[in-house]
Amino acid sequence: MSRIETILLDRDGTLIEERHYLRDPGLVALIPGVAAPMRRLAELGCRFFLASNQSGIGRGLLTADDYAAVHARLEDLLRDEGIVLSGAAFCPHGPEEDCACRKPRTGMWDDLSARFGLRPETTVMVGDKAADIAFGQAAGCAETALVLTGHGRSEAARLGIEPPASGVSARPRSPGRPDWIAADLGSYLELLVQNRGHVHAHRI
């Protein structure tokens, strides 16, 4: 496992429960089990960022203000758990707009890395779609992980990947395929906690 310092997350179906074109802040709910390992990783020096396709804006199903309200609610929920996001980027365009920022294109990575000095060799991209994995690989991320929440289970099936019954399993690196597949974000983050804790212990 690579030394990970930056954890780049998809939002819907990965960090929060999937809601179709979410516009109501009252419906924002963290995926169960994410808070404790996020908090521990932050204590170990990791930073968290979001990169989220929001085509509902381009489709006219929600507004940029709706996105901002949902994001503010997410930050509140994380803050209640003692967690602070270091940054976020989103793509408001529909797929037909052929923009540079919609995953799997790397515009959001270019934005975040320029603003926050992110390094791909210490970054993992975690998401519930094949586009998240392709995005992470195109950005040069050290690792990618597919979670089975949200659209993850159907995406794994489409990619021909047998999901683990529970926890996390490693996969051989190949284009368009994740390095890890995890039951949920919390499971993958717990693996990072173990790895970071091991490295930290050896440095003391």
C-alpha atoms as a PDB file:
ATOM      1  CA  MET A   1       0.000   0.000   0.000  1.00  0.00           C
ATOM      2  CA  SER A   2       1.279   3.468  -0.915  1.00  0.00           C
ATOM      3  CA  ARG A   3       1.898   6.185   1.654  1.00  0.00           C
ATOM      4  CA  ILE A   4      -1.321   8.201   1.407  1.00  0.00           C
ATOM      5  CA  GLU A   5      -1.509  11.798   2.607  1.00  0.00           C
ATOM      6  CA  THR A   6      -4.442  13.044   0.515  1.00  0.00           C
ATOM      7  CA  ILE A   7      -7.807  11.309   0.330  1.00  0.00           C
ATOM      8  CA  LEU A   8      -9.866  12.495  -2.619  1.00  0.00           C
ATOM      9  CA  LEU A   9     -13.509  11.492  -2.327  1.00  0.00           C
ATOM     10  CA  ASP A  10     -16.525  11.366  -4.544  1.00  0.00           C
ATOM     11  CA  ARG A  11     -19.527  12.725  -2.657  1.00  0.00           C
ATOM     12  CA  ASP A  12     -22.840  11.029  -3.510  1.00  0.00           C
ATOM     13  CA  GLY A  13     -22.889   7.307  -2.800  1.00  0.00           C
ATOM     14  CA  THR A  14     -19.364   7.432  -1.358  1.00  0.00           C
ATOM     15  CA  LEU A  15     -19.224   9.921   1.515  1.00  0.00           C
ATOM     16  CA  ILE A  16     -22.966  10.533   1.784  1.00  0.00           C
ATOM     17  CA  GLU A  17     -25.949   8.361   0.975  1.00  0.00           C
ATOM     18  CA  GLU A  18     -27.033   8.415  -2.648  1.00  0.00           C
ATOM     19  CA  ARG A  19     -30.021  10.655  -3.393  1.00  0.00           C
ATOM     20  CA  HIS A  20     -30.995  11.214  -7.003  1.00  0.00           C
ATOM     21  CA  TYR A  21     -29.894  14.781  -7.880  1.00  0.00           C
ATOM     22  CA  LEU A  22     -29.736  15.837  -4.247  1.00  0.00           C
ATOM     23  CA  ARG A  23     -30.943  19.389  -3.636  1.00  0.00           C
ATOM     24  CA  ASP A  24     -32.482  19.205  -0.150  1.00  0.00           C
ATOM     25  CA  PRO A  25     -29.923  19.728   2.653  1.00  0.00           C
ATOM     26  CA  GLY A  26     -32.276  17.911   5.017  1.00  0.00           C
ATOM     27  CA  LEU A  27     -31.623  14.660   3.135  1.00  0.00           C
ATOM     28  CA  VAL A  28     -27.842  14.728   3.556  1.00  0.00           C
ATOM     29  CA  ALA A  29     -26.672  11.706   5.562  1.00  0.00           C
ATOM     30  CA  LEU A  30     -23.150  10.393   6.024  1.00  0.00           C
ATOM     31  CA  ILE A  31     -22.509   6.792   4.995  1.00  0.00           C
ATOM     32  CA  PRO A  32     -22.423   4.856   8.288  1.00  0.00           C
ATOM     33  CA  GLY A  33     -18.965   4.126   9.658  1.00  0.00           C
ATOM     34  CA  VAL A  34     -17.011   6.923   7.962  1.00  0.00           C
ATOM     35  CA  ALA A  35     -16.592   9.369  10.835  1.00  0.00           C
ATOM     36  CA  ALA A  36     -14.237   7.507  13.185  1.00  0.00           C
ATOM     37  CA  PRO A  37     -11.592   6.555  10.601  1.00  0.00           C
ATOM     38  CA  MET A  38     -11.785  10.005   8.977  1.00  0.00           C
ATOM     39  CA  ARG A  39     -11.123  11.591  12.356  1.00  0.00           C
ATOM     40  CA  ARG A  40      -8.203   9.258  13.061  1.00  0.00           C
ATOM     41  CA  LEU A  41      -6.655   9.818   9.633  1.00  0.00           C
ATOM     42  CA  ALA A  42      -6.886  13.571  10.130  1.00  0.00           C
ATOM     43  CA  GLU A  43      -5.034  13.128  13.426  1.00  0.00           C
ATOM     44  CA  LEU A  44      -2.365  11.194  11.495  1.00  0.00           C
ATOM     45  CA  GLY A  45      -1.923  14.069   9.051  1.00  0.00           C
ATOM     46  CA  CYS A  46      -4.196  13.163   6.143  1.00  0.00           C
ATOM     47  CA  ARG A  47      -6.345  15.728   4.349  1.00  0.00           C
ATOM     48  CA  PHE A  48      -9.733  15.154   2.744  1.00  0.00           C
ATOM     49  CA  PHE A  49     -11.016  16.701  -0.479  1.00  0.00           C
ATOM     50  CA  LEU A  50     -14.157  16.244  -2.556  1.00  0.00           C
ATOM     51  CA  ALA A  51     -14.396  15.973  -6.346  1.00  0.00           C
ATOM     52  CA  SER A  52     -17.996  15.617  -7.432  1.00  0.00           C
ATOM     53  CA  ASN A  53     -19.855  15.550 -10.745  1.00  0.00           C
ATOM     54  CA  GLN A  54     -23.058  17.564 -10.333  1.00  0.00           C
ATOM     55  CA  SER A  55     -24.712  17.256 -13.729  1.00  0.00           C
ATOM     56  CA  GLY A  56     -28.096  18.041 -12.155  1.00  0.00           C
ATOM     57  CA  ILE A  57     -27.072  21.701 -12.344  1.00  0.00           C
ATOM     58  CA  GLY A  58     -26.441  21.508 -16.063  1.00  0.00           C
ATOM     59  CA  ARG A  59     -29.656  19.532 -16.543  1.00  0.00           C
ATOM     60  CA  GLY A  60     -31.661  22.214 -14.714  1.00  0.00           C
ATOM     61  CA  LEU A  61     -32.666  19.864 -11.893  1.00  0.00           C
ATOM     62  CA  LEU A  62     -30.899  21.847  -9.182  1.00  0.00           C
ATOM     63  CA  THR A  63     -29.051  25.129  -8.896  1.00  0.00           C
ATOM     64  CA  ALA A  64     -25.564  26.114  -7.803  1.00  0.00           C
ATOM     65  CA  ASP A  65     -27.219  27.537  -4.680  1.00  0.00           C
ATOM     66  CA  ASP A  66     -28.800  24.120  -4.007  1.00  0.00           C
ATOM     67  CA  TYR A  67     -25.362  22.533  -4.302  1.00  0.00           C
ATOM     68  CA  ALA A  68     -23.904  25.112  -1.912  1.00  0.00           C
ATOM     69  CA  ALA A  69     -26.653  24.460   0.651  1.00  0.00           C
ATOM     70  CA  VAL A  70     -26.101  20.699   0.478  1.00  0.00           C
ATOM     71  CA  HIS A  71     -22.349  21.181   0.796  1.00  0.00           C
ATOM     72  CA  ALA A  72     -22.802  23.446   3.810  1.00  0.00           C
ATOM     73  CA  ARG A  73     -24.970  20.802   5.472  1.00  0.00           C
ATOM     74  CA  LEU A  74     -22.349  18.146   4.754  1.00  0.00           C
ATOM     75  CA  GLU A  75     -19.663  20.326   6.327  1.00  0.00           C
ATOM     76  CA  ASP A  76     -21.880  20.798   9.377  1.00  0.00           C
ATOM     77  CA  LEU A  77     -22.357  17.042   9.769  1.00  0.00           C
ATOM     78  CA  LEU A  78     -18.629  16.451   9.453  1.00  0.00           C
ATOM     79  CA  ARG A  79     -17.848  19.264  11.875  1.00  0.00           C
ATOM     80  CA  ASP A  80     -20.173  17.659  14.407  1.00  0.00           C
ATOM     81  CA  GLU A  81     -17.900  14.606  14.136  1.00  0.00           C
ATOM     82  CA  GLY A  82     -14.732  16.662  14.540  1.00  0.00           C
ATOM     83  CA  ILE A  83     -13.819  16.516  10.828  1.00  0.00           C
ATOM     84  CA  VAL A  84     -13.014  19.372   8.461  1.00  0.00           C
ATOM     85  CA  LEU A  85     -12.775  19.062   4.680  1.00  0.00           C
ATOM     86  CA  SER A  86      -9.667  20.735   3.302  1.00  0.00           C
ATOM     87  CA  GLY A  87     -11.278  21.601  -0.020  1.00  0.00           C
ATOM     88  CA  ALA A  88     -13.824  20.671  -2.663  1.00  0.00           C
ATOM     89  CA  ALA A  89     -14.434  20.976  -6.382  1.00  0.00           C
ATOM     90  CA  PHE A  90     -17.502  20.149  -8.440  1.00  0.00           C
ATOM     91  CA  CYS A  91     -18.446  19.974 -12.101  1.00  0.00           C
ATOM     92  CA  PRO A  92     -21.828  21.574 -12.881  1.00  0.00           C
ATOM     93  CA  HIS A  93     -21.981  20.412 -16.497  1.00  0.00           C
ATOM     94  CA  GLY A  94     -24.025  17.738 -18.189  1.00  0.00           C
ATOM     95  CA  PRO A  95     -22.206  15.049 -20.198  1.00  0.00           C
ATOM     96  CA  GLU A  96     -23.252  16.602 -23.508  1.00  0.00           C
ATOM     97  CA  GLU A  97     -21.367  19.825 -22.690  1.00  0.00           C
ATOM     98  CA  ASP A  98     -17.990  18.142 -23.283  1.00  0.00           C
ATOM     99  CA  CYS A  99     -16.289  20.099 -20.501  1.00  0.00           C
ATOM    100  CA  ALA A 100     -12.802  19.548 -19.115  1.00  0.00           C
ATOM    101  CA  CYS A 101     -13.942  19.126 -15.506  1.00  0.00           C
ATOM    102  CA  ARG A 102     -16.455  16.272 -15.607  1.00  0.00           C
ATOM    103  CA  LYS A 103     -14.941  13.029 -14.328  1.00  0.00           C
ATOM    104  CA  PRO A 104     -13.194  11.042 -15.734  1.00  0.00           C
ATOM    105  CA  ARG A 105     -11.516  14.171 -17.166  1.00  0.00           C
ATOM    106  CA  THR A 106      -9.090  15.744 -14.753  1.00  0.00           C
ATOM    107  CA  GLY A 107     -10.178  19.388 -14.511  1.00  0.00           C
ATOM    108  CA  MET A 108     -11.198  19.061 -10.870  1.00  0.00           C
ATOM    109  CA  TRP A 109      -7.865  17.458  -9.999  1.00  0.00           C
ATOM    110  CA  ASP A 110      -6.032  20.243 -11.834  1.00  0.00           C
ATOM    111  CA  ASP A 111      -8.016  22.804  -9.823  1.00  0.00           C
ATOM    112  CA  LEU A 112      -7.513  21.151  -6.432  1.00  0.00           C
ATOM    113  CA  SER A 113      -3.862  20.312  -6.960  1.00  0.00           C
ATOM    114  CA  ALA A 114      -3.111  23.910  -8.031  1.00  0.00           C
ATOM    115  CA  ARG A 115      -4.983  25.433  -5.100  1.00  0.00           C
ATOM    116  CA  PHE A 116      -3.783  23.079  -2.386  1.00  0.00           C
ATOM    117  CA  GLY A 117      -0.473  21.705  -3.625  1.00  0.00           C
ATOM    118  CA  LEU A 118      -1.710  18.113  -3.905  1.00  0.00           C
ATOM    119  CA  ARG A 119       0.677  15.432  -5.115  1.00  0.00           C
ATOM    120  CA  PRO A 120      -0.714  12.474  -7.057  1.00  0.00           C
ATOM    121  CA  GLU A 121       1.911  10.080  -5.702  1.00  0.00           C
ATOM    122  CA  THR A 122       0.479  10.460  -2.179  1.00  0.00           C
ATOM    123  CA  THR A 123      -3.200  10.650  -3.179  1.00  0.00           C
ATOM    124  CA  VAL A 124      -5.945   8.045  -3.333  1.00  0.00           C
ATOM    125  CA  MET A 125      -9.208   8.553  -5.219  1.00  0.00           C
ATOM    126  CA  VAL A 126     -12.248   6.814  -3.710  1.00  0.00           C
ATOM    127  CA  GLY A 127     -15.613   6.612  -5.451  1.00  0.00           C
ATOM    128  CA  ASP A 128     -18.581   4.461  -6.351  1.00  0.00           C
ATOM    129  CA  LYS A 129     -18.308   4.689 -10.144  1.00  0.00           C
ATOM    130  CA  ALA A 130     -15.923   3.596 -12.865  1.00  0.00           C
ATOM    131  CA  ALA A 131     -15.578   7.281 -13.815  1.00  0.00           C
ATOM    132  CA  ASP A 132     -14.070   7.941 -10.371  1.00  0.00           C
ATOM    133  CA  ILE A 133     -11.490   5.219 -10.923  1.00  0.00           C
ATOM    134  CA  ALA A 134     -10.634   6.442 -14.427  1.00  0.00           C
ATOM    135  CA  PHE A 135     -10.376   9.994 -13.066  1.00  0.00           C
ATOM    136  CA  GLY A 136      -7.963   8.931 -10.338  1.00  0.00           C
ATOM    137  CA  GLN A 137      -5.826   6.986 -12.768  1.00  0.00           C
ATOM    138  CA  ALA A 138      -5.771   9.837 -15.297  1.00  0.00           C
ATOM    139  CA  ALA A 139      -4.670  12.206 -12.518  1.00  0.00           C
ATOM    140  CA  GLY A 140      -1.824   9.829 -11.665  1.00  0.00           C
ATOM    141  CA  CYS A 141      -3.105   8.983  -8.183  1.00  0.00           C
ATOM    142  CA  ALA A 142      -1.089   6.410  -6.268  1.00  0.00           C
ATOM    143  CA  GLU A 143      -4.198   4.304  -5.659  1.00  0.00           C
ATOM    144  CA  THR A 144      -7.885   4.106  -6.491  1.00  0.00           C
ATOM    145  CA  ALA A 145     -10.642   2.425  -4.506  1.00  0.00           C
ATOM    146  CA  LEU A 146     -14.179   1.484  -5.526  1.00  0.00           C
ATOM    147  CA  VAL A 147     -16.781   1.325  -2.758  1.00  0.00           C
ATOM    148  CA  LEU A 148     -19.885  -0.836  -3.041  1.00  0.00           C
ATOM    149  CA  THR A 149     -22.268   1.777  -1.655  1.00  0.00           C
ATOM    150  CA  GLY A 150     -24.202   4.060  -4.000  1.00  0.00           C
ATOM    151  CA  HIS A 151     -23.712   2.774  -7.551  1.00  0.00           C
ATOM    152  CA  GLY A 152     -20.659   0.736  -6.576  1.00  0.00           C
ATOM    153  CA  ARG A 153     -22.151  -2.721  -6.651  1.00  0.00           C
ATOM    154  CA  SER A 154     -23.634  -2.317 -10.133  1.00  0.00           C
ATOM    155  CA  GLU A 155     -20.427  -0.658 -11.348  1.00  0.00           C
ATOM    156  CA  ALA A 156     -18.352  -3.559 -10.024  1.00  0.00           C
ATOM    157  CA  ALA A 157     -20.603  -5.978 -11.877  1.00  0.00           C
ATOM    158  CA  ARG A 158     -20.260  -3.947 -15.056  1.00  0.00           C
ATOM    159  CA  LEU A 159     -16.472  -4.052 -14.698  1.00  0.00           C
ATOM    160  CA  GLY A 160     -16.573  -7.806 -14.087  1.00  0.00           C
ATOM    161  CA  ILE A 161     -15.206  -7.480 -10.552  1.00  0.00           C
ATOM    162  CA  GLU A 162     -16.283  -9.944  -7.884  1.00  0.00           C
ATOM    163  CA  PRO A 163     -17.050  -7.878  -4.754  1.00  0.00           C
ATOM    164  CA  PRO A 164     -15.789  -8.971  -1.340  1.00  0.00           C
ATOM    165  CA  ALA A 165     -18.366 -10.297   1.097  1.00  0.00           C
ATOM    166  CA  SER A 166     -17.135  -7.688   3.568  1.00  0.00           C
ATOM    167  CA  GLY A 167     -14.181  -5.435   4.253  1.00  0.00           C
ATOM    168  CA  VAL A 168     -11.615  -4.636   1.581  1.00  0.00           C
ATOM    169  CA  SER A 169      -9.785  -6.616  -1.066  1.00  0.00           C
ATOM    170  CA  ALA A 170      -6.779  -5.654  -3.199  1.00  0.00           C
ATOM    171  CA  ARG A 171      -6.785  -6.060  -6.959  1.00  0.00           C
ATOM    172  CA  PRO A 172      -4.031  -6.202  -9.571  1.00  0.00           C
ATOM    173  CA  ARG A 173      -3.516  -2.768 -11.096  1.00  0.00           C
ATOM    174  CA  SER A 174      -4.988  -2.407 -14.582  1.00  0.00           C
ATOM    175  CA  PRO A 175      -6.463   0.451 -16.624  1.00  0.00           C
ATOM    176  CA  GLY A 176     -10.010   1.314 -15.576  1.00  0.00           C
ATOM    177  CA  ARG A 177      -9.973  -1.118 -12.653  1.00  0.00           C
ATOM    178  CA  PRO A 178      -9.560  -0.093  -9.001  1.00  0.00           C
ATOM    179  CA  ASP A 179      -6.586  -1.089  -6.869  1.00  0.00           C
ATOM    180  CA  TRP A 180      -8.980  -1.764  -3.999  1.00  0.00           C
ATOM    181  CA  ILE A 181     -12.624  -2.690  -3.697  1.00  0.00           C
ATOM    182  CA  ALA A 182     -14.332  -2.037  -0.383  1.00  0.00           C
ATOM    183  CA  ALA A 183     -17.711  -2.715   1.146  1.00  0.00           C
ATOM    184  CA  ASP A 184     -17.910   0.975   2.031  1.00  0.00           C
ATOM    185  CA  LEU A 185     -15.755   4.035   2.595  1.00  0.00           C
ATOM    186  CA  GLY A 186     -15.309   3.317   6.301  1.00  0.00           C
ATOM    187  CA  SER A 187     -13.817  -0.106   5.531  1.00  0.00           C
ATOM    188  CA  TYR A 188     -11.245   1.356   3.169  1.00  0.00           C
ATOM    189  CA  LEU A 189     -10.397   4.205   5.550  1.00  0.00           C
ATOM    190  CA  GLU A 190      -9.852   1.716   8.375  1.00  0.00           C
ATOM    191  CA  LEU A 191      -7.239   0.038   6.168  1.00  0.00           C
ATOM    192  CA  LEU A 192      -5.543   3.402   5.713  1.00  0.00           C
ATOM    193  CA  VAL A 193      -5.636   3.968   9.472  1.00  0.00           C
ATOM    194  CA  GLN A 194      -3.814   0.686  10.016  1.00  0.00           C
ATOM    195  CA  ASN A 195      -1.222   1.510   7.376  1.00  0.00           C
ATOM    196  CA  ARG A 196      -0.654   5.095   8.562  1.00  0.00           C
ATOM    197  CA  GLY A 197      -0.519   3.995  12.181  1.00  0.00           C
ATOM    198  CA  HIS A 198       2.124   1.400  11.305  1.00  0.00           C
ATOM    199  CA  VAL A 199       4.242   3.994   9.488  1.00  0.00           C
ATOM    200  CA  HIS A 200       3.792   6.506  12.322  1.00  0.00           C
ATOM    201  CA  ALA A 201       4.866   3.958  14.933  1.00  0.00           C
ATOM    202  CA  HIS A 202       8.082   3.213  13.033  1.00  0.00           C
ATOM    203  CA  ARG A 203       8.933   6.908  12.857  1.00  0.00           C
ATOM    204  CA  ILE A 204       8.707   7.450  16.636  1.00  0.00           C
END
